[in-house]
Amino acid sequence: MGLAQIRSTAFLIDIGGDDSYYLGKGTPGLGEATYRKDYSFPSKLTPYYYYAKSFGGFIDIGGNDKYFDYTDSTKTISTLSRNNSQWFQPSKTDSTFGADNFGIGIDIEEGTIPELFWWEEE
């Protein structure tokens, strides 16, 4: 669900409707870009990881959405992802933030996301 792993780009875009999202507790997803040590420190055998980028994006526009973490059959309301909010994964305060590794989740009520128009030609 919009999870970028091992230097990739992944998006989940949902427009309209009430949605429920379930992730196992501690499971990456919902606009996350997972981190590996070789993203910050190049390896002689695999320099690609150091020079490439990762971008995970999760966008939900519209609806009354619910986000849950679950362990076995027990579900709890997510503390990170919420209706009408924005989150970064990794967060800007996380030790794994940076290294050309970007993850963002956005849930908005309606309209457009201005950041998606950065690349539009004028």
PDB file of N, CA and C in Angstrom:
ATOM      1  N   MET A   1       0.822  -1.186   0.000  1.00  0.00           N
ATOM      2  CA  MET A   1       0.000   0.000   0.000  1.00  0.00           C
ATOM      3  C   MET A   1       0.865   1.248   0.000  1.00  0.00           C
ATOM      4  N   GLY A   2       1.480   1.521  -1.131  1.00  0.00           N
ATOM      5  CA  GLY A   2       2.327   2.700  -1.230  1.00  0.00           C
ATOM      6  C   GLY A   2       3.648   2.555  -0.502  1.00  0.00           C
ATOM      7  N   LEU A   3       4.178   1.329  -0.433  1.00  0.00           N
ATOM      8  CA  LEU A   3       5.421   1.029   0.295  1.00  0.00           C
ATOM      9  C   LEU A   3       6.593   0.875  -0.665  1.00  0.00           C
ATOM     10  N   ALA A   4       7.586   1.743  -0.513  1.00  0.00           N
ATOM     11  CA  ALA A   4       8.799   1.658  -1.324  1.00  0.00           C
ATOM     12  C   ALA A   4       9.860   0.881  -0.551  1.00  0.00           C
ATOM     13  N   GLN A   5      10.345  -0.195  -1.142  1.00  0.00           N
ATOM     14  CA  GLN A   5      11.401  -0.993  -0.527  1.00  0.00           C
ATOM     15  C   GLN A   5      12.538  -1.189  -1.524  1.00  0.00           C
ATOM     16  N   ILE A   6      13.745  -1.221  -1.001  1.00  0.00           N
ATOM     17  CA  ILE A   6      14.964  -1.469  -1.778  1.00  0.00           C
ATOM     18  C   ILE A   6      15.022  -0.593  -3.023  1.00  0.00           C
ATOM     19  N   ARG A   7      15.058   0.701  -2.774  1.00  0.00           N
ATOM     20  CA  ARG A   7      15.214   1.720  -3.803  1.00  0.00           C
ATOM     21  C   ARG A   7      14.184   1.561  -4.928  1.00  0.00           C
ATOM     22  N   SER A   8      12.956   1.845  -4.573  1.00  0.00           N
ATOM     23  CA  SER A   8      11.864   1.774  -5.536  1.00  0.00           C
ATOM     24  C   SER A   8      10.944   2.968  -5.345  1.00  0.00           C
ATOM     25  N   THR A   9       9.937   3.040  -6.182  1.00  0.00           N
ATOM     26  CA  THR A   9       8.905   4.050  -6.074  1.00  0.00           C
ATOM     27  C   THR A   9       7.570   3.328  -6.044  1.00  0.00           C
ATOM     28  N   ALA A  10       6.732   3.664  -5.071  1.00  0.00           N
ATOM     29  CA  ALA A  10       5.438   2.999  -4.939  1.00  0.00           C
ATOM     30  C   ALA A  10       4.389   4.003  -4.507  1.00  0.00           C
ATOM     31  N   PHE A  11       3.217   3.910  -5.116  1.00  0.00           N
ATOM     32  CA  PHE A  11       2.114   4.802  -4.778  1.00  0.00           C
ATOM     33  C   PHE A  11       0.830   4.011  -4.575  1.00  0.00           C
ATOM     34  N   LEU A  12       0.010   4.495  -3.680  1.00  0.00           N
ATOM     35  CA  LEU A  12      -1.384   4.088  -3.603  1.00  0.00           C
ATOM     36  C   LEU A  12      -2.178   5.378  -3.609  1.00  0.00           C
ATOM     37  N   ILE A  13      -3.081   5.497  -4.565  1.00  0.00           N
ATOM     38  CA  ILE A  13      -3.906   6.692  -4.672  1.00  0.00           C
ATOM     39  C   ILE A  13      -5.357   6.238  -4.704  1.00  0.00           C
ATOM     40  N   ASP A  14      -6.145   6.731  -3.761  1.00  0.00           N
ATOM     41  CA  ASP A  14      -7.557   6.394  -3.670  1.00  0.00           C
ATOM     42  C   ASP A  14      -8.343   7.700  -3.673  1.00  0.00           C
ATOM     43  N   ILE A  15      -9.319   7.789  -4.578  1.00  0.00           N
ATOM     44  CA  ILE A  15     -10.110   9.010  -4.668  1.00  0.00           C
ATOM     45  C   ILE A  15     -11.569   8.663  -4.410  1.00  0.00           C
ATOM     46  N   GLY A  16     -12.084   9.152  -3.305  1.00  0.00           N
ATOM     47  CA  GLY A  16     -13.496   9.000  -2.978  1.00  0.00           C
ATOM     48  C   GLY A  16     -13.817   7.753  -2.187  1.00  0.00           C
ATOM     49  N   GLY A  17     -14.887   7.847  -1.427  1.00  0.00           N
ATOM     50  CA  GLY A  17     -15.386   6.705  -0.674  1.00  0.00           C
ATOM     51  C   GLY A  17     -14.816   6.619   0.729  1.00  0.00           C
ATOM     52  N   ASP A  18     -15.585   5.950   1.597  1.00  0.00           N
ATOM     53  CA  ASP A  18     -15.140   5.675   2.960  1.00  0.00           C
ATOM     54  C   ASP A  18     -14.305   4.396   2.926  1.00  0.00           C
ATOM     55  N   ASP A  19     -13.091   4.464   3.422  1.00  0.00           N
ATOM     56  CA  ASP A  19     -12.181   3.331   3.372  1.00  0.00           C
ATOM     57  C   ASP A  19     -11.684   2.964   4.755  1.00  0.00           C
ATOM     58  N   SER A  20     -11.328   1.700   4.916  1.00  0.00           N
ATOM     59  CA  SER A  20     -10.679   1.216   6.140  1.00  0.00           C
ATOM     60  C   SER A  20      -9.375   0.554   5.733  1.00  0.00           C
ATOM     61  N   TYR A  21      -8.292   0.925   6.401  1.00  0.00           N
ATOM     62  CA  TYR A  21      -6.973   0.380   6.114  1.00  0.00           C
ATOM     63  C   TYR A  21      -6.473  -0.376   7.340  1.00  0.00           C
ATOM     64  N   TYR A  22      -5.988  -1.584   7.118  1.00  0.00           N
ATOM     65  CA  TYR A  22      -5.503  -2.445   8.203  1.00  0.00           C
ATOM     66  C   TYR A  22      -4.062  -2.834   7.914  1.00  0.00           C
ATOM     67  N   LEU A  23      -3.191  -2.607   8.877  1.00  0.00           N
ATOM     68  CA  LEU A  23      -1.790  -3.031   8.787  1.00  0.00           C
ATOM     69  C   LEU A  23      -1.419  -3.746  10.071  1.00  0.00           C
ATOM     70  N   GLY A  24      -0.650  -4.819   9.945  1.00  0.00           N
ATOM     71  CA  GLY A  24      -0.142  -5.474  11.140  1.00  0.00           C
ATOM     72  C   GLY A  24       0.718  -4.502  11.935  1.00  0.00           C
ATOM     73  N   LYS A  25       0.639  -4.553  13.237  1.00  0.00           N
ATOM     74  CA  LYS A  25       1.419  -3.645  14.100  1.00  0.00           C
ATOM     75  C   LYS A  25       2.902  -3.758  13.732  1.00  0.00           C
ATOM     76  N   GLY A  26       3.525  -2.637  13.427  1.00  0.00           N
ATOM     77  CA  GLY A  26       4.935  -2.619  13.067  1.00  0.00           C
ATOM     78  C   GLY A  26       5.217  -2.963  11.610  1.00  0.00           C
ATOM     79  N   THR A  27       4.175  -3.222  10.812  1.00  0.00           N
ATOM     80  CA  THR A  27       4.343  -3.547   9.398  1.00  0.00           C
ATOM     81  C   THR A  27       4.498  -2.254   8.597  1.00  0.00           C
ATOM     82  N   PRO A  28       5.492  -2.171   7.723  1.00  0.00           N
ATOM     83  CA  PRO A  28       5.644  -0.950   6.933  1.00  0.00           C
ATOM     84  C   PRO A  28       4.531  -0.813   5.897  1.00  0.00           C
ATOM     85  N   GLY A  29       4.199   0.426   5.561  1.00  0.00           N
ATOM     86  CA  GLY A  29       3.203   0.679   4.528  1.00  0.00           C
ATOM     87  C   GLY A  29       2.601   2.063   4.663  1.00  0.00           C
ATOM     88  N   LEU A  30       1.553   2.320   3.898  1.00  0.00           N
ATOM     89  CA  LEU A  30       0.830   3.591   3.910  1.00  0.00           C
ATOM     90  C   LEU A  30       1.757   4.776   3.639  1.00  0.00           C
ATOM     91  N   GLY A  31       2.505   4.676   2.543  1.00  0.00           N
ATOM     92  CA  GLY A  31       3.373   5.776   2.147  1.00  0.00           C
ATOM     93  C   GLY A  31       4.733   5.761   2.799  1.00  0.00           C
ATOM     94  N   GLU A  32       5.221   4.604   3.129  1.00  0.00           N
ATOM     95  CA  GLU A  32       6.517   4.503   3.800  1.00  0.00           C
ATOM     96  C   GLU A  32       7.618   4.152   2.797  1.00  0.00           C
ATOM     97  N   ALA A  33       8.818   4.618   3.077  1.00  0.00           N
ATOM     98  CA  ALA A  33      10.018   4.224   2.344  1.00  0.00           C
ATOM     99  C   ALA A  33      10.945   3.585   3.375  1.00  0.00           C
ATOM    100  N   THR A  34      11.094   2.277   3.297  1.00  0.00           N
ATOM    101  CA  THR A  34      11.912   1.584   4.290  1.00  0.00           C
ATOM    102  C   THR A  34      13.393   1.919   4.083  1.00  0.00           C
ATOM    103  N   TYR A  35      14.146   1.823   5.154  1.00  0.00           N
ATOM    104  CA  TYR A  35      15.551   2.240   5.166  1.00  0.00           C
ATOM    105  C   TYR A  35      16.483   1.041   5.283  1.00  0.00           C
ATOM    106  N   ARG A  36      17.610   1.128   4.589  1.00  0.00           N
ATOM    107  CA  ARG A  36      18.704   0.160   4.734  1.00  0.00           C
ATOM    108  C   ARG A  36      19.991   0.947   4.952  1.00  0.00           C
ATOM    109  N   LYS A  37      20.897   0.388   5.709  1.00  0.00           N
ATOM    110  CA  LYS A  37      22.140   1.080   6.049  1.00  0.00           C
ATOM    111  C   LYS A  37      22.930   1.496   4.801  1.00  0.00           C
ATOM    112  N   ASP A  38      22.902   0.675   3.741  1.00  0.00           N
ATOM    113  CA  ASP A  38      23.686   1.015   2.553  1.00  0.00           C
ATOM    114  C   ASP A  38      23.089   2.174   1.748  1.00  0.00           C
ATOM    115  N   TYR A  39      21.952   2.745   2.184  1.00  0.00           N
ATOM    116  CA  TYR A  39      21.443   3.968   1.569  1.00  0.00           C
ATOM    117  C   TYR A  39      22.303   5.164   1.991  1.00  0.00           C
ATOM    118  N   SER A  40      22.881   5.098   3.180  1.00  0.00           N
ATOM    119  CA  SER A  40      23.700   6.190   3.703  1.00  0.00           C
ATOM    120  C   SER A  40      25.188   5.982   3.476  1.00  0.00           C
ATOM    121  N   PHE A  41      25.606   4.731   3.367  1.00  0.00           N
ATOM    122  CA  PHE A  41      27.031   4.403   3.234  1.00  0.00           C
ATOM    123  C   PHE A  41      27.222   3.486   2.031  1.00  0.00           C
ATOM    124  N   PRO A  42      27.886   3.963   0.978  1.00  0.00           N
ATOM    125  CA  PRO A  42      28.016   3.149  -0.234  1.00  0.00           C
ATOM    126  C   PRO A  42      28.843   1.878  -0.015  1.00  0.00           C
ATOM    127  N   SER A  43      28.423   0.838  -0.672  1.00  0.00           N
ATOM    128  CA  SER A  43      29.154  -0.428  -0.650  1.00  0.00           C
ATOM    129  C   SER A  43      29.962  -0.523  -1.938  1.00  0.00           C
ATOM    130  N   LYS A  44      31.137  -1.110  -1.862  1.00  0.00           N
ATOM    131  CA  LYS A  44      31.968  -1.269  -3.061  1.00  0.00           C
ATOM    132  C   LYS A  44      31.310  -2.209  -4.071  1.00  0.00           C
ATOM    133  N   LEU A  45      30.547  -3.165  -3.573  1.00  0.00           N
ATOM    134  CA  LEU A  45      29.935  -4.150  -4.464  1.00  0.00           C
ATOM    135  C   LEU A  45      28.552  -3.740  -4.964  1.00  0.00           C
ATOM    136  N   THR A  46      27.852  -2.908  -4.211  1.00  0.00           N
ATOM    137  CA  THR A  46      26.503  -2.488  -4.614  1.00  0.00           C
ATOM    138  C   THR A  46      26.312  -0.985  -4.397  1.00  0.00           C
ATOM    139  N   PRO A  47      27.007  -0.152  -5.153  1.00  0.00           N
ATOM    140  CA  PRO A  47      26.878   1.292  -4.955  1.00  0.00           C
ATOM    141  C   PRO A  47      25.516   1.839  -5.379  1.00  0.00           C
ATOM    142  N   TYR A  48      24.757   1.077  -6.143  1.00  0.00           N
ATOM    143  CA  TYR A  48      23.444   1.515  -6.616  1.00  0.00           C
ATOM    144  C   TYR A  48      22.560   2.023  -5.477  1.00  0.00           C
ATOM    145  N   TYR A  49      22.542   1.312  -4.369  1.00  0.00           N
ATOM    146  CA  TYR A  49      21.668   1.685  -3.257  1.00  0.00           C
ATOM    147  C   TYR A  49      21.984   3.072  -2.716  1.00  0.00           C
ATOM    148  N   TYR A  50      23.243   3.449  -2.759  1.00  0.00           N
ATOM    149  CA  TYR A  50      23.659   4.756  -2.254  1.00  0.00           C
ATOM    150  C   TYR A  50      23.237   5.877  -3.206  1.00  0.00           C
ATOM    151  N   TYR A  51      23.313   5.641  -4.507  1.00  0.00           N
ATOM    152  CA  TYR A  51      23.062   6.684  -5.493  1.00  0.00           C
ATOM    153  C   TYR A  51      21.607   6.804  -5.944  1.00  0.00           C
ATOM    154  N   ALA A  52      20.798   5.793  -5.706  1.00  0.00           N
ATOM    155  CA  ALA A  52      19.397   5.812  -6.126  1.00  0.00           C
ATOM    156  C   ALA A  52      18.515   6.464  -5.057  1.00  0.00           C
ATOM    157  N   LYS A  53      17.235   6.602  -5.362  1.00  0.00           N
ATOM    158  CA  LYS A  53      16.278   7.196  -4.427  1.00  0.00           C
ATOM    159  C   LYS A  53      15.105   6.247  -4.213  1.00  0.00           C
ATOM    160  N   SER A  54      14.419   6.428  -3.081  1.00  0.00           N
ATOM    161  CA  SER A  54      13.177   5.706  -2.797  1.00  0.00           C
ATOM    162  C   SER A  54      12.090   6.730  -2.516  1.00  0.00           C
ATOM    163  N   PHE A  55      10.884   6.442  -3.038  1.00  0.00           N
ATOM    164  CA  PHE A  55       9.758   7.305  -2.720  1.00  0.00           C
ATOM    165  C   PHE A  55       8.513   6.459  -2.536  1.00  0.00           C
ATOM    166  N   GLY A  56       7.948   6.518  -1.337  1.00  0.00           N
ATOM    167  CA  GLY A  56       6.679   5.847  -1.050  1.00  0.00           C
ATOM    168  C   GLY A  56       5.613   6.901  -0.861  1.00  0.00           C
ATOM    169  N   GLY A  57       4.471   6.721  -1.528  1.00  0.00           N
ATOM    170  CA  GLY A  57       3.406   7.701  -1.428  1.00  0.00           C
ATOM    171  C   GLY A  57       2.047   7.055  -1.229  1.00  0.00           C
ATOM    172  N   PHE A  58       1.302   7.578  -0.287  1.00  0.00           N
ATOM    173  CA  PHE A  58      -0.056   7.112  -0.019  1.00  0.00           C
ATOM    174  C   PHE A  58      -0.950   8.342  -0.024  1.00  0.00           C
ATOM    175  N   ILE A  59      -1.947   8.352  -0.893  1.00  0.00           N
ATOM    176  CA  ILE A  59      -2.842   9.499  -0.996  1.00  0.00           C
ATOM    177  C   ILE A  59      -4.280   8.991  -0.973  1.00  0.00           C
ATOM    178  N   ASP A  60      -5.065   9.514  -0.064  1.00  0.00           N
ATOM    179  CA  ASP A  60      -6.495   9.202  -0.012  1.00  0.00           C
ATOM    180  C   ASP A  60      -7.246  10.525  -0.006  1.00  0.00           C
ATOM    181  N   ILE A  61      -8.062  10.735  -1.041  1.00  0.00           N
ATOM    182  CA  ILE A  61      -8.831  11.968  -1.161  1.00  0.00           C
ATOM    183  C   ILE A  61     -10.304  11.629  -0.981  1.00  0.00           C
ATOM    184  N   GLY A  62     -10.939  12.266  -0.029  1.00  0.00           N
ATOM    185  CA  GLY A  62     -12.380  12.102   0.172  1.00  0.00           C
ATOM    186  C   GLY A  62     -12.741  10.942   1.070  1.00  0.00           C
ATOM    187  N   GLY A  63     -13.947  10.978   1.569  1.00  0.00           N
ATOM    188  CA  GLY A  63     -14.460   9.909   2.415  1.00  0.00           C
ATOM    189  C   GLY A  63     -14.070  10.061   3.868  1.00  0.00           C
ATOM    190  N   ASN A  64     -14.717   9.277   4.691  1.00  0.00           N
ATOM    191  CA  ASN A  64     -14.390   9.200   6.116  1.00  0.00           C
ATOM    192  C   ASN A  64     -13.590   7.921   6.306  1.00  0.00           C
ATOM    193  N   ASP A  65     -12.282   8.039   6.370  1.00  0.00           N
ATOM    194  CA  ASP A  65     -11.395   6.880   6.361  1.00  0.00           C
ATOM    195  C   ASP A  65     -10.960   6.489   7.760  1.00  0.00           C
ATOM    196  N   LYS A  66     -10.728   5.202   7.929  1.00  0.00           N
ATOM    197  CA  LYS A  66     -10.296   4.668   9.224  1.00  0.00           C
ATOM    198  C   LYS A  66      -9.011   3.881   9.028  1.00  0.00           C
ATOM    199  N   TYR A  67      -8.115   4.033   9.990  1.00  0.00           N
ATOM    200  CA  TYR A  67      -6.811   3.378   9.938  1.00  0.00           C
ATOM    201  C   TYR A  67      -6.631   2.537  11.190  1.00  0.00           C
ATOM    202  N   PHE A  68      -6.237   1.280  11.001  1.00  0.00           N
ATOM    203  CA  PHE A  68      -6.107   0.358  12.128  1.00  0.00           C
ATOM    204  C   PHE A  68      -4.772  -0.377  12.083  1.00  0.00           C
ATOM    205  N   ASP A  69      -4.226  -0.631  13.273  1.00  0.00           N
ATOM    206  CA  ASP A  69      -3.124  -1.567  13.457  1.00  0.00           C
ATOM    207  C   ASP A  69      -3.751  -2.822  14.041  1.00  0.00           C
ATOM    208  N   TYR A  70      -3.201  -3.982  13.718  1.00  0.00           N
ATOM    209  CA  TYR A  70      -3.731  -5.189  14.349  1.00  0.00           C
ATOM    210  C   TYR A  70      -2.614  -6.146  14.730  1.00  0.00           C
ATOM    211  N   THR A  71      -2.880  -6.884  15.776  1.00  0.00           N
ATOM    212  CA  THR A  71      -2.016  -7.966  16.235  1.00  0.00           C
ATOM    213  C   THR A  71      -2.935  -9.163  16.403  1.00  0.00           C
ATOM    214  N   ASP A  72      -2.629 -10.242  15.690  1.00  0.00           N
ATOM    215  CA  ASP A  72      -3.525 -11.402  15.647  1.00  0.00           C
ATOM    216  C   ASP A  72      -4.915 -10.921  15.233  1.00  0.00           C
ATOM    217  N   SER A  73      -5.921 -11.079  16.059  1.00  0.00           N
ATOM    218  CA  SER A  73      -7.266 -10.638  15.699  1.00  0.00           C
ATOM    219  C   SER A  73      -7.668  -9.353  16.433  1.00  0.00           C
ATOM    220  N   THR A  74      -6.737  -8.740  17.148  1.00  0.00           N
ATOM    221  CA  THR A  74      -7.035  -7.514  17.902  1.00  0.00           C
ATOM    222  C   THR A  74      -6.646  -6.302  17.072  1.00  0.00           C
ATOM    223  N   LYS A  75      -7.613  -5.409  16.828  1.00  0.00           N
ATOM    224  CA  LYS A  75      -7.301  -4.189  16.082  1.00  0.00           C
ATOM    225  C   LYS A  75      -7.394  -2.980  16.999  1.00  0.00           C
ATOM    226  N   THR A  76      -6.496  -2.030  16.749  1.00  0.00           N
ATOM    227  CA  THR A  76      -6.493  -0.774  17.486  1.00  0.00           C
ATOM    228  C   THR A  76      -6.410   0.366  16.475  1.00  0.00           C
ATOM    229  N   ILE A  77      -6.847   1.531  16.869  1.00  0.00           N
ATOM    230  CA  ILE A  77      -6.780   2.696  15.989  1.00  0.00           C
ATOM    231  C   ILE A  77      -5.319   3.100  15.825  1.00  0.00           C
ATOM    232  N   SER A  78      -4.908   3.343  14.597  1.00  0.00           N
ATOM    233  CA  SER A  78      -3.525   3.722  14.298  1.00  0.00           C
ATOM    234  C   SER A  78      -3.164   5.039  14.974  1.00  0.00           C
ATOM    235  N   THR A  79      -1.964   5.106  15.519  1.00  0.00           N
ATOM    236  CA  THR A  79      -1.486   6.345  16.131  1.00  0.00           C
ATOM    237  C   THR A  79      -0.757   7.226  15.121  1.00  0.00           C
ATOM    238  N   LEU A  80      -0.409   6.678  13.955  1.00  0.00           N
ATOM    239  CA  LEU A  80       0.321   7.435  12.938  1.00  0.00           C
ATOM    240  C   LEU A  80      -0.607   7.973  11.850  1.00  0.00           C
ATOM    241  N   SER A  81      -1.381   7.104  11.253  1.00  0.00           N
ATOM    242  CA  SER A  81      -2.225   7.472  10.117  1.00  0.00           C
ATOM    243  C   SER A  81      -3.635   7.788  10.594  1.00  0.00           C
ATOM    244  N   ARG A  82      -4.172   8.915  10.110  1.00  0.00           N
ATOM    245  CA  ARG A  82      -5.514   9.337  10.515  1.00  0.00           C
ATOM    246  C   ARG A  82      -6.220  10.023   9.351  1.00  0.00           C
ATOM    247  N   ASN A  83      -7.528  10.032   9.421  1.00  0.00           N
ATOM    248  CA  ASN A  83      -8.342  10.743   8.451  1.00  0.00           C
ATOM    249  C   ASN A  83      -7.993  12.235   8.502  1.00  0.00           C
ATOM    250  N   ASN A  84      -7.905  12.862   7.334  1.00  0.00           N
ATOM    251  CA  ASN A  84      -7.608  14.295   7.204  1.00  0.00           C
ATOM    252  C   ASN A  84      -6.315  14.704   7.905  1.00  0.00           C
ATOM    253  N   SER A  85      -5.245  13.978   7.615  1.00  0.00           N
ATOM    254  CA  SER A  85      -3.943  14.306   8.197  1.00  0.00           C
ATOM    255  C   SER A  85      -2.826  13.962   7.213  1.00  0.00           C
ATOM    256  N   GLN A  86      -1.608  14.264   7.618  1.00  0.00           N
ATOM    257  CA  GLN A  86      -0.413  13.998   6.811  1.00  0.00           C
ATOM    258  C   GLN A  86       0.648  13.394   7.715  1.00  0.00           C
ATOM    259  N   TRP A  87       1.432  12.442   7.205  1.00  0.00           N
ATOM    260  CA  TRP A  87       2.492  11.839   7.997  1.00  0.00           C
ATOM    261  C   TRP A  87       3.682  11.507   7.096  1.00  0.00           C
ATOM    262  N   PHE A  88       4.860  11.523   7.690  1.00  0.00           N
ATOM    263  CA  PHE A  88       6.101  11.183   6.979  1.00  0.00           C
ATOM    264  C   PHE A  88       6.631   9.870   7.539  1.00  0.00           C
ATOM    265  N   GLN A  89       7.125   9.019   6.623  1.00  0.00           N
ATOM    266  CA  GLN A  89       7.721   7.740   7.040  1.00  0.00           C
ATOM    267  C   GLN A  89       8.966   7.479   6.199  1.00  0.00           C
ATOM    268  N   PRO A  90      10.145   7.664   6.651  1.00  0.00           N
ATOM    269  CA  PRO A  90      10.469   7.984   8.037  1.00  0.00           C
ATOM    270  C   PRO A  90      10.163   9.438   8.353  1.00  0.00           C
ATOM    271  N   SER A  91       9.862   9.678   9.623  1.00  0.00           N
ATOM    272  CA  SER A  91       9.562  11.045  10.059  1.00  0.00           C
ATOM    273  C   SER A  91      10.841  11.877  10.043  1.00  0.00           C
ATOM    274  N   LYS A  92      10.682  13.174  10.019  1.00  0.00           N
ATOM    275  CA  LYS A  92      11.835  14.071   9.976  1.00  0.00           C
ATOM    276  C   LYS A  92      12.713  13.969  11.215  1.00  0.00           C
ATOM    277  N   THR A  93      12.181  13.446  12.305  1.00  0.00           N
ATOM    278  CA  THR A  93      12.969  13.303  13.536  1.00  0.00           C
ATOM    279  C   THR A  93      13.572  11.898  13.679  1.00  0.00           C
ATOM    280  N   ASP A  94      13.264  11.011  12.759  1.00  0.00           N
ATOM    281  CA  ASP A  94      13.771   9.635  12.811  1.00  0.00           C
ATOM    282  C   ASP A  94      15.237   9.597  12.380  1.00  0.00           C
ATOM    283  N   SER A  95      16.026   8.740  12.984  1.00  0.00           N
ATOM    284  CA  SER A  95      17.450   8.632  12.647  1.00  0.00           C
ATOM    285  C   SER A  95      17.664   8.131  11.220  1.00  0.00           C
ATOM    286  N   THR A  96      16.640   7.517  10.611  1.00  0.00           N
ATOM    287  CA  THR A  96      16.772   7.012   9.242  1.00  0.00           C
ATOM    288  C   THR A  96      16.270   8.006   8.205  1.00  0.00           C
ATOM    289  N   PHE A  97      15.860   9.220   8.627  1.00  0.00           N
ATOM    290  CA  PHE A  97      15.394  10.232   7.686  1.00  0.00           C
ATOM    291  C   PHE A  97      16.569  10.713   6.840  1.00  0.00           C
ATOM    292  N   GLY A  98      16.312  10.935   5.579  1.00  0.00           N
ATOM    293  CA  GLY A  98      17.340  11.417   4.664  1.00  0.00           C
ATOM    294  C   GLY A  98      17.799  10.307   3.738  1.00  0.00           C
ATOM    295  N   ALA A  99      19.006  10.356   3.296  1.00  0.00           N
ATOM    296  CA  ALA A  99      19.612   9.354   2.418  1.00  0.00           C
ATOM    297  C   ALA A  99      18.778   9.146   1.150  1.00  0.00           C
ATOM    298  N   ASP A 100      18.173  10.224   0.639  1.00  0.00           N
ATOM    299  CA  ASP A 100      17.321  10.144  -0.558  1.00  0.00           C
ATOM    300  C   ASP A 100      16.241   9.081  -0.426  1.00  0.00           C
ATOM    301  N   ASN A 101      15.650   9.022   0.740  1.00  0.00           N
ATOM    302  CA  ASN A 101      14.642   8.022   1.090  1.00  0.00           C
ATOM    303  C   ASN A 101      13.421   8.762   1.640  1.00  0.00           C
ATOM    304  N   PHE A 102      12.341   8.833   0.840  1.00  0.00           N
ATOM    305  CA  PHE A 102      11.215   9.686   1.181  1.00  0.00           C
ATOM    306  C   PHE A 102       9.911   8.900   1.236  1.00  0.00           C
ATOM    307  N   GLY A 103       9.142   9.108   2.276  1.00  0.00           N
ATOM    308  CA  GLY A 103       7.834   8.482   2.393  1.00  0.00           C
ATOM    309  C   GLY A 103       6.836   9.462   2.975  1.00  0.00           C
ATOM    310  N   ILE A 104       5.667   9.539   2.347  1.00  0.00           N
ATOM    311  CA  ILE A 104       4.636  10.457   2.832  1.00  0.00           C
ATOM    312  C   ILE A 104       3.253   9.846   2.637  1.00  0.00           C
ATOM    313  N   GLY A 105       2.411  10.082   3.623  1.00  0.00           N
ATOM    314  CA  GLY A 105       1.012   9.699   3.544  1.00  0.00           C
ATOM    315  C   GLY A 105       0.157  10.933   3.709  1.00  0.00           C
ATOM    316  N   ILE A 106      -0.871  11.060   2.876  1.00  0.00           N
ATOM    317  CA  ILE A 106      -1.754  12.216   2.924  1.00  0.00           C
ATOM    318  C   ILE A 106      -3.196  11.723   2.820  1.00  0.00           C
ATOM    319  N   ASP A 107      -4.017  12.151   3.737  1.00  0.00           N
ATOM    320  CA  ASP A 107      -5.452  11.877   3.683  1.00  0.00           C
ATOM    321  C   ASP A 107      -6.139  13.240   3.776  1.00  0.00           C
ATOM    322  N   ILE A 108      -6.802  13.635   2.692  1.00  0.00           N
ATOM    323  CA  ILE A 108      -7.479  14.930   2.682  1.00  0.00           C
ATOM    324  C   ILE A 108      -8.956  14.747   2.364  1.00  0.00           C
ATOM    325  N   GLU A 109      -9.736  15.718   2.789  1.00  0.00           N
ATOM    326  CA  GLU A 109     -11.189  15.646   2.651  1.00  0.00           C
ATOM    327  C   GLU A 109     -11.648  15.785   1.206  1.00  0.00           C
ATOM    328  N   GLU A 110     -11.047  16.742   0.497  1.00  0.00           N
ATOM    329  CA  GLU A 110     -11.433  16.978  -0.889  1.00  0.00           C
ATOM    330  C   GLU A 110     -10.389  17.817  -1.574  1.00  0.00           C
ATOM    331  N   GLY A 111     -10.519  17.939  -2.896  1.00  0.00           N
ATOM    332  CA  GLY A 111      -9.665  18.829  -3.658  1.00  0.00           C
ATOM    333  C   GLY A 111      -8.451  18.143  -4.236  1.00  0.00           C
ATOM    334  N   THR A 112      -7.426  18.928  -4.430  1.00  0.00           N
ATOM    335  CA  THR A 112      -6.191  18.439  -5.023  1.00  0.00           C
ATOM    336  C   THR A 112      -5.057  18.607  -4.020  1.00  0.00           C
ATOM    337  N   ILE A 113      -3.957  17.989  -4.323  1.00  0.00           N
ATOM    338  CA  ILE A 113      -2.758  18.104  -3.494  1.00  0.00           C
ATOM    339  C   ILE A 113      -1.766  18.964  -4.279  1.00  0.00           C
ATOM    340  N   PRO A 114      -1.556  20.214  -3.848  1.00  0.00           N
ATOM    341  CA  PRO A 114      -0.727  21.139  -4.630  1.00  0.00           C
ATOM    342  C   PRO A 114       0.649  20.572  -4.983  1.00  0.00           C
ATOM    343  N   GLU A 115       1.217  19.779  -4.101  1.00  0.00           N
ATOM    344  CA  GLU A 115       2.559  19.233  -4.363  1.00  0.00           C
ATOM    345  C   GLU A 115       2.601  18.353  -5.613  1.00  0.00           C
ATOM    346  N   LEU A 116       1.482  17.791  -6.023  1.00  0.00           N
ATOM    347  CA  LEU A 116       1.460  16.939  -7.209  1.00  0.00           C
ATOM    348  C   LEU A 116       1.600  17.756  -8.491  1.00  0.00           C
ATOM    349  N   PHE A 117       1.457  19.081  -8.382  1.00  0.00           N
ATOM    350  CA  PHE A 117       1.547  19.936  -9.560  1.00  0.00           C
ATOM    351  C   PHE A 117       2.914  20.615  -9.708  1.00  0.00           C
ATOM    352  N   TRP A 118       3.873  20.232  -8.875  1.00  0.00           N
ATOM    353  CA  TRP A 118       5.221  20.812  -8.966  1.00  0.00           C
ATOM    354  C   TRP A 118       5.837  20.599 -10.339  1.00  0.00           C
ATOM    355  N   TRP A 119       5.520  19.483 -10.956  1.00  0.00           N
ATOM    356  CA  TRP A 119       6.160  19.117 -12.215  1.00  0.00           C
ATOM    357  C   TRP A 119       5.355  19.583 -13.427  1.00  0.00           C
ATOM    358  N   GLU A 120       4.256  20.240 -13.214  1.00  0.00           N
ATOM    359  CA  GLU A 120       3.419  20.691 -14.313  1.00  0.00           C
ATOM    360  C   GLU A 120       4.086  21.881 -14.995  1.00  0.00           C
ATOM    361  N   GLU A 121       4.094  21.829 -16.308  1.00  0.00           N
ATOM    362  CA  GLU A 121       4.675  22.938 -17.071  1.00  0.00           C
ATOM    363  C   GLU A 121       3.697  24.102 -17.101  1.00  0.00           C
ATOM    364  N   GLU A 122       4.251  25.292 -17.027  1.00  0.00           N
ATOM    365  CA  GLU A 122       3.387  26.489 -17.055  1.00  0.00           C
ATOM    366  C   GLU A 122       3.241  26.989 -18.458  1.00  0.00           C
TER     367      GLU A 122
END
